[in-house]
């Protein structure tokens, strides 16, 4: 299932790459696209989506970015 997020604090490609690298460590994520210019993240997650969304948000915020919900 597709998960779309609004992410604050990204300023360059290194920011989007850092988030992509972090989210790639999860076995339940795929097709990760983080756009620093638009401040968005789109990725596929397996069920249960709500449980995985919480983990994704926590991972992004642990490396210094803010997910706006």
Foldseek 3Di string as FASTA:
>chain_A
DKDKWQKPDQDDPVLQVVLVVQVVVDPQWDPWDQDSVRRMIMIGGDPPPVVVVVVSQVSSVVVPMHIDD
